[in-house]
Amino acid sequence: MKSLNKIWNSEPPSDSFIKLDTLIIEECDKLVTVFPFYIEGIFHNLCNLRVTNCRSMQAIFDIHVKVGDVANLQDVHLERLPKLEHVWKLNEDRVGILKWNNLQKICVVNCYSLKNIFPFSVANCLDNLEYLEVGQCFELREIVAISEAANTDKVSFHFPKLSTIKFSRLPKLEEPGAYDLSCPMLNDLSIEFCDKLKPFHKNAQRKPLFPEEVRIAKLFNS
């Protein structure tokens, strides 16, 4: 599959892949995107997505117009995608309110070109997110792309079910200075080698972002 550069027909019927619930893509070195904009509105029942070892992958979702294309998506695993720049590539001028309420777990590892995980509009609708793992994304600067928000005032994100956060080897990830973060169910927090993430620095003198019962597995390994 190393020569595959396109998965879908340019205009598939609207009832295509209606039973597809799991999609696994591995070692497709010429593939640039998984869901191009011209197949929006098809994958209503997709629950599990795994994309690994694709050297040219630049975007997972290229969304232009429609809303809730994969609204049932629950589990996303992205690994060893060295050129990945966007998990969600959005045309913010044309996209309505995105609905990803069923997303429960996302793991992003070894994606060296990625600068953020969630666009601002996606981060506002993750009510069921339970597990977030990000590791060895050396260009990652923020989890939520707050710079995309039209309103520059302080905003808040509430993840009511997020119970596990694992960050490792994110040297450019900084504190969420432009927004407040609330995770009332968080009980497993692991952070390794994230030297700019000041709210979690062992010498930081500031109010914790999470409940006192949070278990920190490692804190900067020092």
C-alpha atoms as a PDB file:
ATOM      1  CA  MET A   1       0.000   0.000   0.000  1.00  0.00           C
ATOM      2  CA  LYS A   2       3.004   2.297  -0.067  1.00  0.00           C
ATOM      3  CA  SER A   3       1.998   3.697  -3.480  1.00  0.00           C
ATOM      4  CA  LEU A   4      -1.630   4.437  -2.516  1.00  0.00           C
ATOM      5  CA  ASN A   5      -2.347   8.169  -2.761  1.00  0.00           C
ATOM      6  CA  LYS A   6      -6.153   8.135  -2.719  1.00  0.00           C
ATOM      7  CA  ILE A   7      -8.701   6.014  -0.826  1.00  0.00           C
ATOM      8  CA  TRP A   8     -12.103   7.293  -1.942  1.00  0.00           C
ATOM      9  CA  ASN A   9     -13.766   8.076  -5.273  1.00  0.00           C
ATOM     10  CA  SER A  10     -14.238  11.769  -5.917  1.00  0.00           C
ATOM     11  CA  GLU A  11     -18.058  11.580  -5.694  1.00  0.00           C
ATOM     12  CA  PRO A  12     -19.140   8.432  -3.808  1.00  0.00           C
ATOM     13  CA  PRO A  13     -22.887   7.833  -3.262  1.00  0.00           C
ATOM     14  CA  SER A  14     -24.260   9.227  -0.011  1.00  0.00           C
ATOM     15  CA  ASP A  15     -25.118   5.732   1.241  1.00  0.00           C
ATOM     16  CA  SER A  16     -21.557   4.438   0.810  1.00  0.00           C
ATOM     17  CA  PHE A  17     -19.817   2.803   3.799  1.00  0.00           C
ATOM     18  CA  ILE A  18     -22.918   3.055   5.975  1.00  0.00           C
ATOM     19  CA  LYS A  19     -21.868  -0.025   7.982  1.00  0.00           C
ATOM     20  CA  LEU A  20     -18.213   0.873   8.350  1.00  0.00           C
ATOM     21  CA  ASP A  21     -17.407   1.214  12.059  1.00  0.00           C
ATOM     22  CA  THR A  22     -13.613   0.717  12.124  1.00  0.00           C
ATOM     23  CA  LEU A  23     -10.987   2.148   9.778  1.00  0.00           C
ATOM     24  CA  ILE A  24      -7.297   1.214  10.031  1.00  0.00           C
ATOM     25  CA  ILE A  25      -4.717   2.799   7.728  1.00  0.00           C
ATOM     26  CA  GLU A  26      -1.072   1.728   7.948  1.00  0.00           C
ATOM     27  CA  GLU A  27       2.066   2.379   5.891  1.00  0.00           C
ATOM     28  CA  CYS A  28       0.418   4.393   3.119  1.00  0.00           C
ATOM     29  CA  ASP A  29       3.390   6.617   2.434  1.00  0.00           C
ATOM     30  CA  LYS A  30       1.840   8.696  -0.375  1.00  0.00           C
ATOM     31  CA  LEU A  31      -1.490   9.354   1.291  1.00  0.00           C
ATOM     32  CA  VAL A  32      -1.887  13.025   2.266  1.00  0.00           C
ATOM     33  CA  THR A  33      -5.313  13.032   3.942  1.00  0.00           C
ATOM     34  CA  VAL A  34      -7.758  10.409   5.210  1.00  0.00           C
ATOM     35  CA  PHE A  35     -11.072  12.241   4.860  1.00  0.00           C
ATOM     36  CA  PRO A  36     -10.881  14.810   2.033  1.00  0.00           C
ATOM     37  CA  PHE A  37     -13.579  17.457   1.856  1.00  0.00           C
ATOM     38  CA  TYR A  38     -15.423  15.858  -1.067  1.00  0.00           C
ATOM     39  CA  ILE A  39     -16.598  12.868   1.009  1.00  0.00           C
ATOM     40  CA  GLU A  40     -18.190  14.918   3.774  1.00  0.00           C
ATOM     41  CA  GLY A  41     -21.392  13.521   5.240  1.00  0.00           C
ATOM     42  CA  ILE A  42     -20.743   9.811   4.595  1.00  0.00           C
ATOM     43  CA  PHE A  43     -19.149   8.102   7.584  1.00  0.00           C
ATOM     44  CA  HIS A  44     -21.998   8.397  10.065  1.00  0.00           C
ATOM     45  CA  ASN A  45     -21.302   5.075  11.817  1.00  0.00           C
ATOM     46  CA  LEU A  46     -17.521   5.173  12.013  1.00  0.00           C
ATOM     47  CA  CYS A  47     -16.497   4.617  15.659  1.00  0.00           C
ATOM     48  CA  ASN A  48     -12.795   3.697  15.567  1.00  0.00           C
ATOM     49  CA  LEU A  49     -10.019   5.279  13.543  1.00  0.00           C
ATOM     50  CA  ARG A  50      -6.362   4.267  13.550  1.00  0.00           C
ATOM     51  CA  VAL A  51      -3.762   5.863  11.249  1.00  0.00           C
ATOM     52  CA  THR A  52      -0.101   4.869  11.622  1.00  0.00           C
ATOM     53  CA  ASN A  53       3.187   4.970   9.718  1.00  0.00           C
ATOM     54  CA  CYS A  54       2.106   7.225   6.850  1.00  0.00           C
ATOM     55  CA  ARG A  55       5.073   9.384   5.906  1.00  0.00           C
ATOM     56  CA  SER A  56       3.222  11.996   3.817  1.00  0.00           C
ATOM     57  CA  MET A  57       0.026  12.359   5.860  1.00  0.00           C
ATOM     58  CA  GLN A  58      -0.735  16.066   6.423  1.00  0.00           C
ATOM     59  CA  ALA A  59      -4.366  16.122   7.630  1.00  0.00           C
ATOM     60  CA  ILE A  60      -6.824  13.566   8.948  1.00  0.00           C
ATOM     61  CA  PHE A  61     -10.093  15.483   8.482  1.00  0.00           C
ATOM     62  CA  ASP A  62     -10.291  18.114   5.735  1.00  0.00           C
ATOM     63  CA  ILE A  63     -13.638  19.759   6.524  1.00  0.00           C
ATOM     64  CA  HIS A  64     -15.118  22.569   4.448  1.00  0.00           C
ATOM     65  CA  VAL A  65     -18.884  22.747   4.672  1.00  0.00           C
ATOM     66  CA  LYS A  66     -20.921  20.044   6.341  1.00  0.00           C
ATOM     67  CA  VAL A  67     -21.339  19.365  10.055  1.00  0.00           C
ATOM     68  CA  GLY A  68     -21.015  16.159  12.025  1.00  0.00           C
ATOM     69  CA  ASP A  69     -19.556  14.005   9.238  1.00  0.00           C
ATOM     70  CA  VAL A  70     -18.277  11.358  11.664  1.00  0.00           C
ATOM     71  CA  ALA A  71     -20.431  12.257  14.633  1.00  0.00           C
ATOM     72  CA  ASN A  72     -20.228   8.737  16.096  1.00  0.00           C
ATOM     73  CA  LEU A  73     -16.437   8.634  16.178  1.00  0.00           C
ATOM     74  CA  GLN A  74     -15.299   7.420  19.610  1.00  0.00           C
ATOM     75  CA  ASP A  75     -11.651   6.362  19.432  1.00  0.00           C
ATOM     76  CA  VAL A  76      -8.842   8.014  17.423  1.00  0.00           C
ATOM     77  CA  HIS A  77      -5.265   6.735  17.388  1.00  0.00           C
ATOM     78  CA  LEU A  78      -2.622   8.579  15.337  1.00  0.00           C
ATOM     79  CA  GLU A  79       0.992   7.426  15.431  1.00  0.00           C
ATOM     80  CA  ARG A  80       4.199   7.979  13.466  1.00  0.00           C
ATOM     81  CA  LEU A  81       2.859  10.590  11.059  1.00  0.00           C
ATOM     82  CA  PRO A  82       5.920  12.846  10.738  1.00  0.00           C
ATOM     83  CA  LYS A  83       4.333  15.410   8.371  1.00  0.00           C
ATOM     84  CA  LEU A  84       0.931  15.652  10.029  1.00  0.00           C
ATOM     85  CA  GLU A  85      -0.025  19.325  10.439  1.00  0.00           C
ATOM     86  CA  HIS A  86      -3.746  19.025  11.242  1.00  0.00           C
ATOM     87  CA  VAL A  87      -5.952  16.467  12.895  1.00  0.00           C
ATOM     88  CA  TRP A  88      -8.881  18.667  11.860  1.00  0.00           C
ATOM     89  CA  LYS A  89      -8.171  20.989   8.933  1.00  0.00           C
ATOM     90  CA  LEU A  90     -11.061  23.436   8.871  1.00  0.00           C
ATOM     91  CA  ASN A  91     -12.275  26.183   6.616  1.00  0.00           C
ATOM     92  CA  GLU A  92     -13.457  28.317   9.540  1.00  0.00           C
ATOM     93  CA  ASP A  93     -15.322  30.729   7.253  1.00  0.00           C
ATOM     94  CA  ARG A  94     -17.634  28.009   5.983  1.00  0.00           C
ATOM     95  CA  VAL A  95     -17.904  25.382   8.712  1.00  0.00           C
ATOM     96  CA  GLY A  96     -20.833  25.521  11.112  1.00  0.00           C
ATOM     97  CA  ILE A  97     -20.837  24.146  14.640  1.00  0.00           C
ATOM     98  CA  LEU A  98     -18.909  20.888  14.614  1.00  0.00           C
ATOM     99  CA  LYS A  99     -20.360  18.049  16.661  1.00  0.00           C
ATOM    100  CA  TRP A 100     -17.949  15.458  18.019  1.00  0.00           C
ATOM    101  CA  ASN A 101     -19.854  14.695  21.200  1.00  0.00           C
ATOM    102  CA  ASN A 102     -19.166  10.952  21.075  1.00  0.00           C
ATOM    103  CA  LEU A 103     -15.384  11.176  20.993  1.00  0.00           C
ATOM    104  CA  GLN A 104     -14.090   9.346  24.072  1.00  0.00           C
ATOM    105  CA  LYS A 105     -10.428   8.681  23.446  1.00  0.00           C
ATOM    106  CA  ILE A 106      -7.686  10.287  21.383  1.00  0.00           C
ATOM    107  CA  CYS A 107      -4.033   9.273  21.274  1.00  0.00           C
ATOM    108  CA  VAL A 108      -1.475  11.203  19.187  1.00  0.00           C
ATOM    109  CA  VAL A 109       2.132   9.972  19.225  1.00  0.00           C
ATOM    110  CA  ASN A 110       5.204  10.727  17.110  1.00  0.00           C
ATOM    111  CA  CYS A 111       3.589  13.399  14.956  1.00  0.00           C
ATOM    112  CA  TYR A 112       6.527  15.761  14.731  1.00  0.00           C
ATOM    113  CA  SER A 113       4.963  18.595  12.673  1.00  0.00           C
ATOM    114  CA  LEU A 114       1.708  18.959  14.596  1.00  0.00           C
ATOM    115  CA  LYS A 115       1.268  22.292  16.430  1.00  0.00           C
ATOM    116  CA  ASN A 116      -2.106  21.678  18.111  1.00  0.00           C
ATOM    117  CA  ILE A 117      -4.593  18.859  18.637  1.00  0.00           C
ATOM    118  CA  PHE A 118      -8.038  20.462  18.662  1.00  0.00           C
ATOM    119  CA  PRO A 119      -9.283  23.454  16.663  1.00  0.00           C
ATOM    120  CA  PHE A 120     -11.172  25.912  18.833  1.00  0.00           C
ATOM    121  CA  SER A 121     -14.551  24.894  17.418  1.00  0.00           C
ATOM    122  CA  VAL A 122     -13.943  21.172  18.037  1.00  0.00           C
ATOM    123  CA  ALA A 123     -12.762  21.662  21.630  1.00  0.00           C
ATOM    124  CA  ASN A 124     -16.118  23.187  22.520  1.00  0.00           C
ATOM    125  CA  CYS A 125     -18.019  19.945  21.935  1.00  0.00           C
ATOM    126  CA  LEU A 126     -16.035  17.180  23.638  1.00  0.00           C
ATOM    127  CA  ASP A 127     -18.458  16.425  26.442  1.00  0.00           C
ATOM    128  CA  ASN A 128     -17.669  12.687  26.455  1.00  0.00           C
ATOM    129  CA  LEU A 129     -13.897  12.809  26.081  1.00  0.00           C
ATOM    130  CA  GLU A 130     -12.386  10.495  28.715  1.00  0.00           C
ATOM    131  CA  TYR A 131      -8.797   9.842  27.631  1.00  0.00           C
ATOM    132  CA  LEU A 132      -6.210  12.186  26.083  1.00  0.00           C
ATOM    133  CA  GLU A 133      -2.662  11.064  25.314  1.00  0.00           C
ATOM    134  CA  VAL A 134      -0.096  13.120  23.407  1.00  0.00           C
ATOM    135  CA  GLY A 135       3.558  12.163  23.121  1.00  0.00           C
ATOM    136  CA  GLN A 136       6.690  13.004  21.159  1.00  0.00           C
ATOM    137  CA  CYS A 137       5.092  15.784  19.133  1.00  0.00           C
ATOM    138  CA  PHE A 138       8.077  18.096  19.221  1.00  0.00           C
ATOM    139  CA  GLU A 139       6.450  21.088  17.487  1.00  0.00           C
ATOM    140  CA  LEU A 140       3.247  20.973  19.526  1.00  0.00           C
ATOM    141  CA  ARG A 141       2.592  24.365  21.161  1.00  0.00           C
ATOM    142  CA  GLU A 142      -0.970  24.037  22.428  1.00  0.00           C
ATOM    143  CA  ILE A 143      -3.649  21.425  22.883  1.00  0.00           C
ATOM    144  CA  VAL A 144      -6.438  23.758  21.762  1.00  0.00           C
ATOM    145  CA  ALA A 145      -5.736  26.202  18.932  1.00  0.00           C
ATOM    146  CA  ILE A 146      -6.904  29.220  20.860  1.00  0.00           C
ATOM    147  CA  SER A 147      -5.465  31.545  18.196  1.00  0.00           C
ATOM    148  CA  GLU A 148      -8.323  30.471  15.914  1.00  0.00           C
ATOM    149  CA  ALA A 149     -10.956  31.940  18.239  1.00  0.00           C
ATOM    150  CA  ALA A 150     -12.661  35.055  16.951  1.00  0.00           C
ATOM    151  CA  ASN A 151     -13.020  36.374  20.494  1.00  0.00           C
ATOM    152  CA  THR A 152      -9.651  37.052  22.090  1.00  0.00           C
ATOM    153  CA  ASP A 153     -11.101  37.407  25.606  1.00  0.00           C
ATOM    154  CA  LYS A 154     -10.500  34.748  28.221  1.00  0.00           C
ATOM    155  CA  VAL A 155     -12.575  31.628  27.484  1.00  0.00           C
ATOM    156  CA  SER A 156     -13.226  28.415  29.374  1.00  0.00           C
ATOM    157  CA  PHE A 157     -13.255  24.776  28.327  1.00  0.00           C
ATOM    158  CA  HIS A 158     -15.099  22.167  30.372  1.00  0.00           C
ATOM    159  CA  PHE A 159     -14.382  18.471  29.867  1.00  0.00           C
ATOM    160  CA  PRO A 160     -16.842  16.819  32.294  1.00  0.00           C
ATOM    161  CA  LYS A 161     -15.709  13.203  31.729  1.00  0.00           C
ATOM    162  CA  LEU A 162     -11.979  13.579  31.063  1.00  0.00           C
ATOM    163  CA  SER A 163     -10.323  11.236  33.587  1.00  0.00           C
ATOM    164  CA  THR A 164      -6.896  10.521  32.065  1.00  0.00           C
ATOM    165  CA  ILE A 165      -4.289  12.880  30.602  1.00  0.00           C
ATOM    166  CA  LYS A 166      -0.851  11.673  29.505  1.00  0.00           C
ATOM    167  CA  PHE A 167       1.675  14.157  28.092  1.00  0.00           C
ATOM    168  CA  SER A 168       5.239  13.156  27.261  1.00  0.00           C
ATOM    169  CA  ARG A 169       8.143  14.780  25.409  1.00  0.00           C
ATOM    170  CA  LEU A 170       6.361  17.937  24.315  1.00  0.00           C
ATOM    171  CA  PRO A 171       9.187  20.474  24.651  1.00  0.00           C
ATOM    172  CA  LYS A 172       7.244  23.408  23.127  1.00  0.00           C
ATOM    173  CA  LEU A 173       3.906  22.883  24.867  1.00  0.00           C
ATOM    174  CA  GLU A 174       3.130  25.900  27.053  1.00  0.00           C
ATOM    175  CA  GLU A 175       0.580  26.715  29.716  1.00  0.00           C
ATOM    176  CA  PRO A 176      -3.013  27.496  28.601  1.00  0.00           C
ATOM    177  CA  GLY A 177      -2.640  31.201  29.266  1.00  0.00           C
ATOM    178  CA  ALA A 178      -5.491  32.245  26.969  1.00  0.00           C
ATOM    179  CA  TYR A 179      -8.169  30.010  28.469  1.00  0.00           C
ATOM    180  CA  ASP A 180      -9.283  28.259  31.640  1.00  0.00           C
ATOM    181  CA  LEU A 181      -9.528  24.484  31.740  1.00  0.00           C
ATOM    182  CA  SER A 182     -11.883  22.465  33.916  1.00  0.00           C
ATOM    183  CA  CYS A 183     -11.621  18.657  34.282  1.00  0.00           C
ATOM    184  CA  PRO A 184     -13.622  17.693  37.388  1.00  0.00           C
ATOM    185  CA  MET A 185     -13.280  13.909  36.839  1.00  0.00           C
ATOM    186  CA  LEU A 186      -9.524  13.857  36.246  1.00  0.00           C
ATOM    187  CA  ASN A 187      -7.780  11.260  38.415  1.00  0.00           C
ATOM    188  CA  ASP A 188      -4.816  10.123  36.326  1.00  0.00           C
ATOM    189  CA  LEU A 189      -2.333  12.769  35.197  1.00  0.00           C
ATOM    190  CA  SER A 190       1.074  11.845  33.797  1.00  0.00           C
ATOM    191  CA  ILE A 191       3.522  14.458  32.502  1.00  0.00           C
ATOM    192  CA  GLU A 192       7.081  13.783  31.332  1.00  0.00           C
ATOM    193  CA  PHE A 193       9.585  16.166  29.762  1.00  0.00           C
ATOM    194  CA  CYS A 194       7.214  19.075  29.144  1.00  0.00           C
ATOM    195  CA  ASP A 195       9.497  21.786  30.466  1.00  0.00           C
ATOM    196  CA  LYS A 196       7.401  24.771  29.348  1.00  0.00           C
ATOM    197  CA  LEU A 197       4.167  23.559  30.877  1.00  0.00           C
ATOM    198  CA  LYS A 198       4.444  25.914  33.852  1.00  0.00           C
ATOM    199  CA  PRO A 199       1.184  25.111  35.679  1.00  0.00           C
ATOM    200  CA  PHE A 200       2.603  21.650  36.386  1.00  0.00           C
ATOM    201  CA  HIS A 201       6.169  22.650  37.201  1.00  0.00           C
ATOM    202  CA  LYS A 202       7.219  21.453  40.635  1.00  0.00           C
ATOM    203  CA  ASN A 203       8.237  24.977  41.679  1.00  0.00           C
ATOM    204  CA  ALA A 204       5.159  26.731  40.332  1.00  0.00           C
ATOM    205  CA  GLN A 205       3.271  28.758  42.947  1.00  0.00           C
ATOM    206  CA  ARG A 206      -0.184  28.947  41.508  1.00  0.00           C
ATOM    207  CA  LYS A 207      -3.603  27.409  42.000  1.00  0.00           C
ATOM    208  CA  PRO A 208      -3.825  23.854  40.607  1.00  0.00           C
ATOM    209  CA  LEU A 209      -5.941  23.363  37.523  1.00  0.00           C
ATOM    210  CA  PHE A 210      -7.296  20.014  38.664  1.00  0.00           C
ATOM    211  CA  PRO A 211      -8.749  18.407  41.822  1.00  0.00           C
ATOM    212  CA  GLU A 212      -6.447  17.545  44.711  1.00  0.00           C
ATOM    213  CA  GLU A 213      -6.941  13.826  44.192  1.00  0.00           C
ATOM    214  CA  VAL A 214      -5.087  13.931  40.867  1.00  0.00           C
ATOM    215  CA  ARG A 215      -2.373  11.301  40.703  1.00  0.00           C
ATOM    216  CA  ILE A 216       0.777  12.619  39.008  1.00  0.00           C
ATOM    217  CA  ALA A 217       2.876   9.741  37.769  1.00  0.00           C
ATOM    218  CA  LYS A 218       5.937  11.792  36.812  1.00  0.00           C
ATOM    219  CA  LEU A 219       6.633  15.491  36.832  1.00  0.00           C
ATOM    220  CA  PHE A 220       9.418  16.479  34.457  1.00  0.00           C
ATOM    221  CA  ASN A 221      11.455  13.514  35.662  1.00  0.00           C
ATOM    222  CA  SER A 222      13.473  15.700  37.996  1.00  0.00           C
END
